[in-house]
């Protein structure tokens, strides 16, 4: 038995933090801490994903459509669909990944330099 506590959160202003909470034979469950005004820039996943807001409020943009997701809202995306997200308030987000997906991919997204326009 393993207890997973999704509500343990240490937010840093305008930062995104990633924590792998479960990595087993079925898949990966990732806790994303989206501080208010933080952004995960546009990216794609190589496999289907599910994103659920456990607390707070975020914006989620996919195919030029931006929607707000509130506590307990969930969205699912097929593989290779570009999307981005950001915190409208400090938010805890659950990201469910395929076992075949790689957590290092998410860390690379967070470390990409911002494009200057």
C-alpha atoms as a PDB file:
ATOM      1  CA  UNK A   1       0.000   0.000   0.000  1.00  0.00           C
ATOM      2  CA  UNK A   2       1.182   3.512  -0.828  1.00  0.00           C
ATOM      3  CA  UNK A   3      -0.527   6.719   0.281  1.00  0.00           C
ATOM      4  CA  UNK A   4      -0.236   9.552  -2.240  1.00  0.00           C
ATOM      5  CA  UNK A   5      -0.867  13.042  -0.876  1.00  0.00           C
ATOM      6  CA  UNK A   6      -1.655  15.354  -3.777  1.00  0.00           C
ATOM      7  CA  UNK A   7      -2.323  18.366  -1.544  1.00  0.00           C
ATOM      8  CA  UNK A   8       1.259  18.719  -0.268  1.00  0.00           C
ATOM      9  CA  UNK A   9       2.412  21.800  -2.126  1.00  0.00           C
ATOM     10  CA  UNK A  10       5.220  24.311  -1.810  1.00  0.00           C
ATOM     11  CA  UNK A  11       4.553  27.059  -4.362  1.00  0.00           C
ATOM     12  CA  UNK A  12       7.212  29.502  -5.552  1.00  0.00           C
ATOM     13  CA  UNK A  13       6.037  32.772  -7.101  1.00  0.00           C
ATOM     14  CA  UNK A  14       5.445  32.496 -10.870  1.00  0.00           C
ATOM     15  CA  UNK A  15       7.123  29.060 -11.044  1.00  0.00           C
ATOM     16  CA  UNK A  16       6.037  25.641 -12.250  1.00  0.00           C
ATOM     17  CA  UNK A  17       7.156  22.617 -10.216  1.00  0.00           C
ATOM     18  CA  UNK A  18       6.895  18.985 -11.306  1.00  0.00           C
ATOM     19  CA  UNK A  19       6.753  16.030  -8.887  1.00  0.00           C
ATOM     20  CA  UNK A  20       6.433  12.387  -9.918  1.00  0.00           C
ATOM     21  CA  UNK A  21       4.082  10.886  -7.335  1.00  0.00           C
ATOM     22  CA  UNK A  22       3.439   7.502  -8.969  1.00  0.00           C
ATOM     23  CA  UNK A  23       5.493   5.600 -11.523  1.00  0.00           C
ATOM     24  CA  UNK A  24       4.371   1.980 -11.853  1.00  0.00           C
ATOM     25  CA  UNK A  25       3.594  -0.654 -14.488  1.00  0.00           C
ATOM     26  CA  UNK A  26       0.319   1.080 -15.484  1.00  0.00           C
ATOM     27  CA  UNK A  27       1.493   4.645 -15.937  1.00  0.00           C
ATOM     28  CA  UNK A  28       2.811   7.825 -14.354  1.00  0.00           C
ATOM     29  CA  UNK A  29       0.964  10.317 -12.156  1.00  0.00           C
ATOM     30  CA  UNK A  30       2.580  13.732 -12.031  1.00  0.00           C
ATOM     31  CA  UNK A  31       1.798  16.586  -9.653  1.00  0.00           C
ATOM     32  CA  UNK A  32       2.211  19.968 -11.342  1.00  0.00           C
ATOM     33  CA  UNK A  33       2.316  22.977  -9.041  1.00  0.00           C
ATOM     34  CA  UNK A  34       1.316  25.976 -11.133  1.00  0.00           C
ATOM     35  CA  UNK A  35       1.859  29.137  -9.143  1.00  0.00           C
ATOM     36  CA  UNK A  36      -0.314  32.108 -10.013  1.00  0.00           C
ATOM     37  CA  UNK A  37       0.911  33.698 -13.284  1.00  0.00           C
ATOM     38  CA  UNK A  38       3.226  30.771 -14.092  1.00  0.00           C
ATOM     39  CA  UNK A  39       3.135  29.286 -17.603  1.00  0.00           C
ATOM     40  CA  UNK A  40       3.993  26.000 -19.276  1.00  0.00           C
ATOM     41  CA  UNK A  41       4.739  27.086 -22.842  1.00  0.00           C
ATOM     42  CA  UNK A  42       3.281  25.310 -25.854  1.00  0.00           C
ATOM     43  CA  UNK A  43       4.339  21.696 -26.183  1.00  0.00           C
ATOM     44  CA  UNK A  44       3.085  18.264 -27.308  1.00  0.00           C
ATOM     45  CA  UNK A  45       2.920  14.850 -25.669  1.00  0.00           C
ATOM     46  CA  UNK A  46       3.877  11.743 -27.642  1.00  0.00           C
ATOM     47  CA  UNK A  47       1.025   9.772 -26.031  1.00  0.00           C
ATOM     48  CA  UNK A  48      -2.521  10.528 -24.849  1.00  0.00           C
ATOM     49  CA  UNK A  49      -2.675  12.545 -21.596  1.00  0.00           C
ATOM     50  CA  UNK A  50      -5.226  13.506 -18.953  1.00  0.00           C
ATOM     51  CA  UNK A  51      -4.994  16.771 -17.002  1.00  0.00           C
ATOM     52  CA  UNK A  52      -7.111  17.367 -13.890  1.00  0.00           C
ATOM     53  CA  UNK A  53      -7.143  20.442 -11.664  1.00  0.00           C
ATOM     54  CA  UNK A  54      -7.184  19.224  -8.070  1.00  0.00           C
ATOM     55  CA  UNK A  55      -7.226  22.707  -6.557  1.00  0.00           C
ATOM     56  CA  UNK A  56      -7.149  26.231  -7.904  1.00  0.00           C
ATOM     57  CA  UNK A  57      -7.857  27.556 -11.381  1.00  0.00           C
ATOM     58  CA  UNK A  58      -5.815  27.431 -14.594  1.00  0.00           C
ATOM     59  CA  UNK A  59      -6.132  28.401 -18.229  1.00  0.00           C
ATOM     60  CA  UNK A  60      -5.580  25.719 -20.835  1.00  0.00           C
ATOM     61  CA  UNK A  61      -5.015  26.515 -24.498  1.00  0.00           C
ATOM     62  CA  UNK A  62      -5.386  23.982 -27.283  1.00  0.00           C
ATOM     63  CA  UNK A  63      -5.910  24.579 -31.008  1.00  0.00           C
ATOM     64  CA  UNK A  64      -6.175  28.370 -30.511  1.00  0.00           C
ATOM     65  CA  UNK A  65      -8.955  27.950 -27.935  1.00  0.00           C
ATOM     66  CA  UNK A  66      -8.320  29.040 -24.343  1.00  0.00           C
ATOM     67  CA  UNK A  67     -10.549  27.678 -21.612  1.00  0.00           C
ATOM     68  CA  UNK A  68     -10.569  27.968 -17.838  1.00  0.00           C
ATOM     69  CA  UNK A  69     -10.383  24.820 -15.769  1.00  0.00           C
ATOM     70  CA  UNK A  70     -11.546  24.960 -12.156  1.00  0.00           C
ATOM     71  CA  UNK A  71     -11.083  22.580  -9.239  1.00  0.00           C
ATOM     72  CA  UNK A  72     -11.939  18.991 -10.289  1.00  0.00           C
ATOM     73  CA  UNK A  73     -12.272  19.855 -14.001  1.00  0.00           C
ATOM     74  CA  UNK A  74     -10.418  17.439 -16.280  1.00  0.00           C
ATOM     75  CA  UNK A  75      -9.385  17.497 -19.925  1.00  0.00           C
ATOM     76  CA  UNK A  76      -8.019  14.678 -22.082  1.00  0.00           C
ATOM     77  CA  UNK A  77      -5.857  15.083 -25.173  1.00  0.00           C
ATOM     78  CA  UNK A  78      -4.780  12.688 -27.876  1.00  0.00           C
ATOM     79  CA  UNK A  79      -1.063  12.395 -28.676  1.00  0.00           C
ATOM     80  CA  UNK A  80       0.761  15.131 -30.603  1.00  0.00           C
ATOM     81  CA  UNK A  81      -1.696  17.966 -29.949  1.00  0.00           C
ATOM     82  CA  UNK A  82      -0.026  21.280 -29.072  1.00  0.00           C
ATOM     83  CA  UNK A  83      -1.185  22.845 -25.832  1.00  0.00           C
ATOM     84  CA  UNK A  84      -0.105  25.270 -23.115  1.00  0.00           C
ATOM     85  CA  UNK A  85      -1.345  26.097 -19.625  1.00  0.00           C
ATOM     86  CA  UNK A  86      -0.931  28.640 -16.877  1.00  0.00           C
ATOM     87  CA  UNK A  87      -1.965  29.387 -13.328  1.00  0.00           C
ATOM     88  CA  UNK A  88      -4.765  31.876 -12.732  1.00  0.00           C
ATOM     89  CA  UNK A  89      -4.187  31.183  -9.043  1.00  0.00           C
ATOM     90  CA  UNK A  90      -1.905  28.788  -7.163  1.00  0.00           C
ATOM     91  CA  UNK A  91      -3.073  25.409  -8.500  1.00  0.00           C
ATOM     92  CA  UNK A  92      -2.348  21.718  -8.044  1.00  0.00           C
ATOM     93  CA  UNK A  93      -2.730  19.790 -11.299  1.00  0.00           C
ATOM     94  CA  UNK A  94      -2.695  16.041 -11.842  1.00  0.00           C
ATOM     95  CA  UNK A  95      -1.098  14.892 -15.107  1.00  0.00           C
ATOM     96  CA  UNK A  96      -1.626  11.253 -16.062  1.00  0.00           C
ATOM     97  CA  UNK A  97       0.930   9.903 -18.524  1.00  0.00           C
ATOM     98  CA  UNK A  98       1.438   6.670 -20.396  1.00  0.00           C
ATOM     99  CA  UNK A  99       4.019   4.311 -18.945  1.00  0.00           C
ATOM    100  CA  UNK A 100       5.951   4.781 -22.204  1.00  0.00           C
ATOM    101  CA  UNK A 101       6.188   8.563 -21.753  1.00  0.00           C
ATOM    102  CA  UNK A 102       9.315  10.136 -20.308  1.00  0.00           C
ATOM    103  CA  UNK A 103       9.256  12.578 -17.372  1.00  0.00           C
ATOM    104  CA  UNK A 104      12.485  14.193 -18.626  1.00  0.00           C
ATOM    105  CA  UNK A 105      10.437  15.538 -21.549  1.00  0.00           C
ATOM    106  CA  UNK A 106       8.460  17.704 -19.116  1.00  0.00           C
ATOM    107  CA  UNK A 107      11.573  18.995 -17.392  1.00  0.00           C
ATOM    108  CA  UNK A 108      12.979  20.015 -20.806  1.00  0.00           C
ATOM    109  CA  UNK A 109       9.779  21.990 -21.521  1.00  0.00           C
ATOM    110  CA  UNK A 110      10.219  23.895 -18.252  1.00  0.00           C
ATOM    111  CA  UNK A 111      13.867  24.723 -18.969  1.00  0.00           C
ATOM    112  CA  UNK A 112      13.354  25.982 -22.529  1.00  0.00           C
ATOM    113  CA  UNK A 113      14.310  29.634 -22.826  1.00  0.00           C
ATOM    114  CA  UNK A 114      11.465  32.014 -23.516  1.00  0.00           C
ATOM    115  CA  UNK A 115      11.273  33.251 -27.097  1.00  0.00           C
ATOM    116  CA  UNK A 116      11.682  37.020 -27.375  1.00  0.00           C
ATOM    117  CA  UNK A 117       9.335  38.712 -29.822  1.00  0.00           C
END
